[in-house]
Amino acid sequence: MSSIFKRVSDIINANLNDLIDRLEDPERVIKQIIREMEDNIRQAKEGVVNAIASEKQLFHELEKHRNSSQEWLSKAETALQADKEDLARSALARKKEIDQIITSLEPAWASAKATSDRLKAQLLQLENKLEETKRKRTTLLARQRATEARQQMDSTMNTFHAGLDAQARFDRMEDKVEEMEARAEAMDELHNDMSALENEFLQLETDNDVETELNALKMKMQKNAG
């Protein structure tokens, strides 16, 4: 009997939060704990019933002998009233035997009564604890689901942050490409400007050469004409 109460007490005293933290399926383990508590309490009830039955049996036996003792005392008194001392003496002797049985039964019944009372109190306490555990189950599971939701949200936020980081890297790459394109355009523009300037100088040099040659030709023709 004591082992049953100890097993139930061990379950009740277990830290449900620690169990939830260590297990992947808190709802399943809480149901299992409650089921085990109910099974053990059911066994404890059977033990309490047996203890109460034993106590009641001893009580009835004790009351039967107490009544018998009173009856033999009454018989002794009746015998004395009839001047039958020997009969009264026999009745008192019988009463004495019964009183000895009563003397042995009284502590046995008192012990049985104390035991049954203690077991009934423990059983009531365990039943209250079971109801408390059932009430806590709702709260614990709600907390667990809230924790899971928070973890899921954190995971989602991490995904968002990872996406934002990737976007930021892409933006930096895009900026780099645009910068390279701008530099290339600037180089092309500068090269085009230089080419135009060079062309102007080449054209100027060509024009000068033509003019020089033209003047030389004029002078030659004038010389030949003179």
C-alpha atoms as a PDB file:
ATOM      1  CA  MET A   1       0.000   0.000   0.000  1.00  0.00           C
ATOM      2  CA  SER A   2       2.736   2.474   0.936  1.00  0.00           C
ATOM      3  CA  SER A   3       4.562   1.734  -2.327  1.00  0.00           C
ATOM      4  CA  ILE A   4       1.475   2.742  -4.313  1.00  0.00           C
ATOM      5  CA  PHE A   5       1.227   6.068  -2.507  1.00  0.00           C
ATOM      6  CA  LYS A   6       4.963   6.592  -2.977  1.00  0.00           C
ATOM      7  CA  ARG A   7       4.727   6.003  -6.730  1.00  0.00           C
ATOM      8  CA  VAL A   8       1.891   8.490  -7.049  1.00  0.00           C
ATOM      9  CA  SER A   9       3.732  11.006  -4.875  1.00  0.00           C
ATOM     10  CA  ASP A  10       6.839  10.658  -7.038  1.00  0.00           C
ATOM     11  CA  ILE A  11       4.783  11.435 -10.125  1.00  0.00           C
ATOM     12  CA  ILE A  12       3.129  14.411  -8.455  1.00  0.00           C
ATOM     13  CA  ASN A  13       6.446  15.796  -7.235  1.00  0.00           C
ATOM     14  CA  ALA A  14       8.041  15.448 -10.678  1.00  0.00           C
ATOM     15  CA  ASN A  15       8.859  18.746 -12.347  1.00  0.00           C
ATOM     16  CA  LEU A  16       6.505  18.793 -15.329  1.00  0.00           C
ATOM     17  CA  ASN A  17       8.330  21.750 -16.859  1.00  0.00           C
ATOM     18  CA  ASP A  18      11.594  19.774 -16.929  1.00  0.00           C
ATOM     19  CA  LEU A  19       9.796  16.816 -18.485  1.00  0.00           C
ATOM     20  CA  ILE A  20       8.328  19.051 -21.162  1.00  0.00           C
ATOM     21  CA  ASP A  21      11.732  20.572 -21.917  1.00  0.00           C
ATOM     22  CA  ARG A  22      13.293  17.116 -22.392  1.00  0.00           C
ATOM     23  CA  LEU A  23      10.555  15.565 -24.502  1.00  0.00           C
ATOM     24  CA  GLU A  24       9.437  16.245 -28.039  1.00  0.00           C
ATOM     25  CA  ASP A  25       5.753  15.551 -27.345  1.00  0.00           C
ATOM     26  CA  PRO A  26       4.774  17.259 -24.041  1.00  0.00           C
ATOM     27  CA  GLU A  27       1.061  16.595 -24.527  1.00  0.00           C
ATOM     28  CA  ARG A  28       1.674  12.860 -24.836  1.00  0.00           C
ATOM     29  CA  VAL A  29       3.872  12.672 -21.726  1.00  0.00           C
ATOM     30  CA  ILE A  30       1.416  14.700 -19.628  1.00  0.00           C
ATOM     31  CA  LYS A  31      -1.412  12.384 -20.661  1.00  0.00           C
ATOM     32  CA  GLN A  32       0.800   9.433 -19.748  1.00  0.00           C
ATOM     33  CA  ILE A  33       1.574  10.924 -16.320  1.00  0.00           C
ATOM     34  CA  ILE A  34      -2.097  11.568 -15.606  1.00  0.00           C
ATOM     35  CA  ARG A  35      -3.015   8.073 -16.778  1.00  0.00           C
ATOM     36  CA  GLU A  36      -0.378   6.565 -14.478  1.00  0.00           C
ATOM     37  CA  MET A  37      -1.594   8.697 -11.588  1.00  0.00           C
ATOM     38  CA  GLU A  38      -5.174   7.559 -12.187  1.00  0.00           C
ATOM     39  CA  ASP A  39      -4.113   3.895 -12.357  1.00  0.00           C
ATOM     40  CA  ASN A  40      -2.111   4.134  -9.130  1.00  0.00           C
ATOM     41  CA  ILE A  41      -4.867   6.024  -7.347  1.00  0.00           C
ATOM     42  CA  ARG A  42      -7.307   3.344  -8.436  1.00  0.00           C
ATOM     43  CA  GLN A  43      -5.034   0.730  -6.850  1.00  0.00           C
ATOM     44  CA  ALA A  44      -4.674   2.934  -3.760  1.00  0.00           C
ATOM     45  CA  LYS A  45      -8.461   3.123  -3.463  1.00  0.00           C
ATOM     46  CA  GLU A  46      -8.637  -0.669  -3.387  1.00  0.00           C
ATOM     47  CA  GLY A  47      -6.067  -0.688  -0.590  1.00  0.00           C
ATOM     48  CA  VAL A  48      -7.976   1.965   1.345  1.00  0.00           C
ATOM     49  CA  VAL A  49     -11.207  -0.001   0.954  1.00  0.00           C
ATOM     50  CA  ASN A  50      -9.488  -3.101   2.324  1.00  0.00           C
ATOM     51  CA  ALA A  51      -8.045  -1.108   5.248  1.00  0.00           C
ATOM     52  CA  ILE A  52     -11.442   0.371   6.084  1.00  0.00           C
ATOM     53  CA  ALA A  53     -13.051  -3.074   5.834  1.00  0.00           C
ATOM     54  CA  SER A  54     -10.468  -4.511   8.249  1.00  0.00           C
ATOM     55  CA  GLU A  55     -11.008  -1.637  10.657  1.00  0.00           C
ATOM     56  CA  LYS A  56     -14.801  -2.062  10.492  1.00  0.00           C
ATOM     57  CA  GLN A  57     -14.488  -5.801  11.029  1.00  0.00           C
ATOM     58  CA  LEU A  58     -12.349  -5.252  14.137  1.00  0.00           C
ATOM     59  CA  PHE A  59     -14.776  -2.614  15.366  1.00  0.00           C
ATOM     60  CA  HIS A  60     -17.775  -4.918  14.987  1.00  0.00           C
ATOM     61  CA  GLU A  61     -15.864  -7.715  16.704  1.00  0.00           C
ATOM     62  CA  LEU A  62     -14.946  -5.360  19.544  1.00  0.00           C
ATOM     63  CA  GLU A  63     -18.525  -4.123  19.916  1.00  0.00           C
ATOM     64  CA  LYS A  64     -19.798  -7.684  19.899  1.00  0.00           C
ATOM     65  CA  HIS A  65     -17.478  -8.608  22.786  1.00  0.00           C
ATOM     66  CA  ARG A  66     -18.319  -5.408  24.662  1.00  0.00           C
ATOM     67  CA  ASN A  67     -22.019  -6.243  24.404  1.00  0.00           C
ATOM     68  CA  SER A  68     -21.253  -9.816  25.447  1.00  0.00           C
ATOM     69  CA  SER A  69     -19.328  -8.558  28.463  1.00  0.00           C
ATOM     70  CA  GLN A  70     -22.311  -6.436  29.519  1.00  0.00           C
ATOM     71  CA  GLU A  71     -24.638  -9.380  29.050  1.00  0.00           C
ATOM     72  CA  TRP A  72     -22.515 -11.639  31.291  1.00  0.00           C
ATOM     73  CA  LEU A  73     -22.388  -8.863  33.870  1.00  0.00           C
ATOM     74  CA  SER A  74     -26.158  -8.647  33.783  1.00  0.00           C
ATOM     75  CA  LYS A  75     -26.365 -12.434  34.130  1.00  0.00           C
ATOM     76  CA  ALA A  76     -24.079 -12.323  37.174  1.00  0.00           C
ATOM     77  CA  GLU A  77     -26.292  -9.683  38.755  1.00  0.00           C
ATOM     78  CA  THR A  78     -29.394 -11.761  38.027  1.00  0.00           C
ATOM     79  CA  ALA A  79     -27.747 -14.852  39.558  1.00  0.00           C
ATOM     80  CA  LEU A  80     -26.855 -12.924  42.725  1.00  0.00           C
ATOM     81  CA  GLN A  81     -30.383 -11.649  42.983  1.00  0.00           C
ATOM     82  CA  ALA A  82     -31.468 -15.284  42.875  1.00  0.00           C
ATOM     83  CA  ASP A  83     -28.880 -16.189  45.569  1.00  0.00           C
ATOM     84  CA  LYS A  84     -26.948 -18.315  43.104  1.00  0.00           C
ATOM     85  CA  GLU A  85     -23.392 -17.246  43.795  1.00  0.00           C
ATOM     86  CA  ASP A  86     -21.819 -20.129  41.921  1.00  0.00           C
ATOM     87  CA  LEU A  87     -23.745 -19.189  38.808  1.00  0.00           C
ATOM     88  CA  ALA A  88     -22.847 -15.532  39.331  1.00  0.00           C
ATOM     89  CA  ARG A  89     -19.194 -16.532  39.769  1.00  0.00           C
ATOM     90  CA  SER A  90     -19.259 -18.494  36.494  1.00  0.00           C
ATOM     91  CA  ALA A  91     -20.862 -15.546  34.704  1.00  0.00           C
ATOM     92  CA  LEU A  92     -18.168 -13.191  35.993  1.00  0.00           C
ATOM     93  CA  ALA A  93     -15.464 -15.641  34.961  1.00  0.00           C
ATOM     94  CA  ARG A  94     -16.918 -15.732  31.492  1.00  0.00           C
ATOM     95  CA  LYS A  95     -17.063 -11.920  31.503  1.00  0.00           C
ATOM     96  CA  LYS A  96     -13.394 -11.794  32.482  1.00  0.00           C
ATOM     97  CA  GLU A  97     -12.416 -13.994  29.529  1.00  0.00           C
ATOM     98  CA  ILE A  98     -14.342 -11.721  27.223  1.00  0.00           C
ATOM     99  CA  ASP A  99     -12.778  -8.603  28.780  1.00  0.00           C
ATOM    100  CA  GLN A 100      -9.347 -10.033  28.046  1.00  0.00           C
ATOM    101  CA  ILE A 101     -10.325 -10.417  24.416  1.00  0.00           C
ATOM    102  CA  ILE A 102     -11.597  -6.822  24.458  1.00  0.00           C
ATOM    103  CA  THR A 103      -8.285  -5.693  25.915  1.00  0.00           C
ATOM    104  CA  SER A 104      -6.420  -7.254  22.995  1.00  0.00           C
ATOM    105  CA  LEU A 105      -8.908  -6.041  20.395  1.00  0.00           C
ATOM    106  CA  GLU A 106      -8.971  -2.367  21.433  1.00  0.00           C
ATOM    107  CA  PRO A 107      -5.357  -1.479  20.446  1.00  0.00           C
ATOM    108  CA  ALA A 108      -5.668  -3.534  17.256  1.00  0.00           C
ATOM    109  CA  TRP A 109      -8.823  -1.656  16.309  1.00  0.00           C
ATOM    110  CA  ALA A 110      -7.291   1.720  17.287  1.00  0.00           C
ATOM    111  CA  SER A 111      -4.277   1.012  15.082  1.00  0.00           C
ATOM    112  CA  ALA A 112      -6.465  -0.117  12.189  1.00  0.00           C
ATOM    113  CA  LYS A 113      -8.636   2.992  12.605  1.00  0.00           C
ATOM    114  CA  ALA A 114      -5.599   5.279  12.590  1.00  0.00           C
ATOM    115  CA  THR A 115      -4.246   3.520   9.505  1.00  0.00           C
ATOM    116  CA  SER A 116      -7.490   3.727   7.573  1.00  0.00           C
ATOM    117  CA  ASP A 117      -7.930   7.397   8.523  1.00  0.00           C
ATOM    118  CA  ARG A 118      -4.383   8.174   7.407  1.00  0.00           C
ATOM    119  CA  LEU A 119      -4.828   6.319   4.120  1.00  0.00           C
ATOM    120  CA  LYS A 120      -8.142   8.062   3.464  1.00  0.00           C
ATOM    121  CA  ALA A 121      -6.489  11.448   4.054  1.00  0.00           C
ATOM    122  CA  GLN A 122      -3.587  10.530   1.762  1.00  0.00           C
ATOM    123  CA  LEU A 123      -5.967   9.292  -0.905  1.00  0.00           C
ATOM    124  CA  LEU A 124      -7.936  12.533  -0.728  1.00  0.00           C
ATOM    125  CA  GLN A 125      -4.711  14.486  -1.017  1.00  0.00           C
ATOM    126  CA  LEU A 126      -3.643  12.470  -4.056  1.00  0.00           C
ATOM    127  CA  GLU A 127      -7.038  12.914  -5.709  1.00  0.00           C
ATOM    128  CA  ASN A 128      -6.750  16.668  -5.146  1.00  0.00           C
ATOM    129  CA  LYS A 129      -3.251  16.602  -6.618  1.00  0.00           C
ATOM    130  CA  LEU A 130      -4.544  14.716  -9.630  1.00  0.00           C
ATOM    131  CA  GLU A 131      -7.195  17.370 -10.238  1.00  0.00           C
ATOM    132  CA  GLU A 132      -4.556  20.065  -9.785  1.00  0.00           C
ATOM    133  CA  THR A 133      -2.329  18.323 -12.319  1.00  0.00           C
ATOM    134  CA  LYS A 134      -5.223  18.159 -14.787  1.00  0.00           C
ATOM    135  CA  ARG A 135      -5.766  21.881 -14.341  1.00  0.00           C
ATOM    136  CA  LYS A 136      -2.062  22.557 -14.787  1.00  0.00           C
ATOM    137  CA  ARG A 137      -2.061  20.442 -17.947  1.00  0.00           C
ATOM    138  CA  THR A 138      -4.082  23.083 -19.784  1.00  0.00           C
ATOM    139  CA  THR A 139      -1.773  25.866 -18.628  1.00  0.00           C
ATOM    140  CA  LEU A 140       1.415  23.934 -19.379  1.00  0.00           C
ATOM    141  CA  LEU A 141       0.282  22.922 -22.845  1.00  0.00           C
ATOM    142  CA  ALA A 142      -0.785  26.494 -23.578  1.00  0.00           C
ATOM    143  CA  ARG A 143       2.657  27.696 -22.489  1.00  0.00           C
ATOM    144  CA  GLN A 144       4.310  25.010 -24.602  1.00  0.00           C
ATOM    145  CA  ARG A 145       2.286  25.981 -27.677  1.00  0.00           C
ATOM    146  CA  ALA A 146       3.119  29.634 -27.069  1.00  0.00           C
ATOM    147  CA  THR A 147       6.810  28.734 -26.851  1.00  0.00           C
ATOM    148  CA  GLU A 148       6.608  26.738 -30.077  1.00  0.00           C
ATOM    149  CA  ALA A 149       4.824  29.639 -31.792  1.00  0.00           C
ATOM    150  CA  ARG A 150       7.499  32.036 -30.553  1.00  0.00           C
ATOM    151  CA  GLN A 151      10.254  29.725 -31.797  1.00  0.00           C
ATOM    152  CA  GLN A 152       8.520  29.455 -35.171  1.00  0.00           C
ATOM    153  CA  MET A 153       8.244  33.223 -35.318  1.00  0.00           C
ATOM    154  CA  ASP A 154      11.937  33.575 -34.462  1.00  0.00           C
ATOM    155  CA  SER A 155      12.780  31.102 -37.222  1.00  0.00           C
ATOM    156  CA  THR A 156      10.613  33.045 -39.666  1.00  0.00           C
ATOM    157  CA  MET A 157      12.234  36.316 -38.640  1.00  0.00           C
ATOM    158  CA  ASN A 158      15.655  34.756 -39.145  1.00  0.00           C
ATOM    159  CA  THR A 159      14.549  33.766 -42.642  1.00  0.00           C
ATOM    160  CA  PHE A 160      13.397  37.326 -43.270  1.00  0.00           C
ATOM    161  CA  HIS A 161      16.701  38.686 -42.019  1.00  0.00           C
ATOM    162  CA  ALA A 162      18.580  36.242 -44.236  1.00  0.00           C
ATOM    163  CA  GLY A 163      16.480  37.385 -47.187  1.00  0.00           C
ATOM    164  CA  LEU A 164      17.137  41.026 -46.354  1.00  0.00           C
ATOM    165  CA  ASP A 165      20.858  40.325 -46.083  1.00  0.00           C
ATOM    166  CA  ALA A 166      20.808  38.634 -49.491  1.00  0.00           C
ATOM    167  CA  GLN A 167      18.902  41.607 -50.919  1.00  0.00           C
ATOM    168  CA  ALA A 168      21.430  43.962 -49.375  1.00  0.00           C
ATOM    169  CA  ARG A 169      24.284  41.996 -50.991  1.00  0.00           C
ATOM    170  CA  PHE A 170      22.461  42.136 -54.309  1.00  0.00           C
ATOM    171  CA  ASP A 171      21.948  45.880 -53.941  1.00  0.00           C
ATOM    172  CA  ARG A 172      25.649  46.345 -53.220  1.00  0.00           C
ATOM    173  CA  MET A 173      26.512  44.281 -56.292  1.00  0.00           C
ATOM    174  CA  GLU A 174      24.089  46.320 -58.364  1.00  0.00           C
ATOM    175  CA  ASP A 175      25.673  49.528 -57.092  1.00  0.00           C
ATOM    176  CA  LYS A 176      29.084  48.138 -57.984  1.00  0.00           C
ATOM    177  CA  VAL A 177      27.970  47.264 -61.506  1.00  0.00           C
ATOM    178  CA  GLU A 178      26.399  50.694 -61.954  1.00  0.00           C
ATOM    179  CA  GLU A 179      29.589  52.314 -60.717  1.00  0.00           C
ATOM    180  CA  MET A 180      31.630  50.244 -63.188  1.00  0.00           C
ATOM    181  CA  GLU A 181      29.231  51.181 -65.996  1.00  0.00           C
ATOM    182  CA  ALA A 182      29.497  54.851 -65.087  1.00  0.00           C
ATOM    183  CA  ARG A 183      33.281  54.649 -65.086  1.00  0.00           C
ATOM    184  CA  ALA A 184      33.241  52.919 -68.467  1.00  0.00           C
ATOM    185  CA  GLU A 185      30.943  55.598 -69.896  1.00  0.00           C
ATOM    186  CA  ALA A 186      33.199  58.296 -68.491  1.00  0.00           C
ATOM    187  CA  MET A 187      36.235  56.631 -70.066  1.00  0.00           C
ATOM    188  CA  ASP A 188      34.410  56.361 -73.413  1.00  0.00           C
ATOM    189  CA  GLU A 189      33.375  59.994 -73.250  1.00  0.00           C
ATOM    190  CA  LEU A 190      36.895  61.075 -72.357  1.00  0.00           C
ATOM    191  CA  HIS A 191      38.320  58.919 -75.152  1.00  0.00           C
ATOM    192  CA  ASN A 192      35.836  60.368 -77.655  1.00  0.00           C
ATOM    193  CA  ASP A 193      36.698  63.896 -76.574  1.00  0.00           C
ATOM    194  CA  MET A 194      40.410  63.176 -76.974  1.00  0.00           C
ATOM    195  CA  SER A 195      39.818  61.622 -80.382  1.00  0.00           C
ATOM    196  CA  ALA A 196      37.884  64.658 -81.587  1.00  0.00           C
ATOM    197  CA  LEU A 197      40.612  66.979 -80.380  1.00  0.00           C
ATOM    198  CA  GLU A 198      43.275  64.892 -82.049  1.00  0.00           C
ATOM    199  CA  ASN A 199      41.254  64.895 -85.264  1.00  0.00           C
ATOM    200  CA  GLU A 200      41.043  68.677 -85.171  1.00  0.00           C
ATOM    201  CA  PHE A 201      44.801  68.945 -84.779  1.00  0.00           C
ATOM    202  CA  LEU A 202      45.363  66.433 -87.578  1.00  0.00           C
ATOM    203  CA  GLN A 203      42.979  68.361 -89.790  1.00  0.00           C
ATOM    204  CA  LEU A 204      44.790  71.589 -88.916  1.00  0.00           C
ATOM    205  CA  GLU A 205      48.142  70.030 -89.760  1.00  0.00           C
ATOM    206  CA  THR A 206      46.701  68.711 -93.034  1.00  0.00           C
ATOM    207  CA  ASP A 207      45.296  72.130 -93.910  1.00  0.00           C
ATOM    208  CA  ASN A 208      48.682  73.736 -93.173  1.00  0.00           C
ATOM    209  CA  ASP A 209      50.439  71.230 -95.379  1.00  0.00           C
ATOM    210  CA  VAL A 210      47.983  71.904 -98.197  1.00  0.00           C
ATOM    211  CA  GLU A 211      48.404  75.655 -97.866  1.00  0.00           C
ATOM    212  CA  THR A 212      52.162  75.352 -97.844  1.00  0.00           C
ATOM    213  CA  GLU A 213      52.098  73.159-100.930  1.00  0.00           C
ATOM    214  CA  LEU A 214      49.630  75.526-102.612  1.00  0.00           C
ATOM    215  CA  ASN A 215      51.811  78.544-101.974  1.00  0.00           C
ATOM    216  CA  ALA A 216      54.874  76.688-103.248  1.00  0.00           C
ATOM    217  CA  LEU A 217      52.992  75.759-106.419  1.00  0.00           C
ATOM    218  CA  LYS A 218      51.909  79.387-106.962  1.00  0.00           C
ATOM    219  CA  MET A 219      55.464  80.632-106.577  1.00  0.00           C
ATOM    220  CA  LYS A 220      56.735  78.022-109.004  1.00  0.00           C
ATOM    221  CA  MET A 221      54.161  78.972-111.593  1.00  0.00           C
ATOM    222  CA  GLN A 222      54.917  82.681-111.233  1.00  0.00           C
ATOM    223  CA  LYS A 223      58.593  81.986-111.613  1.00  0.00           C
ATOM    224  CA  ASN A 224      58.022  79.970-114.768  1.00  0.00           C
ATOM    225  CA  ALA A 225      55.792  82.690-116.211  1.00  0.00           C
ATOM    226  CA  GLY A 226      58.373  85.423-115.673  1.00  0.00           C
END
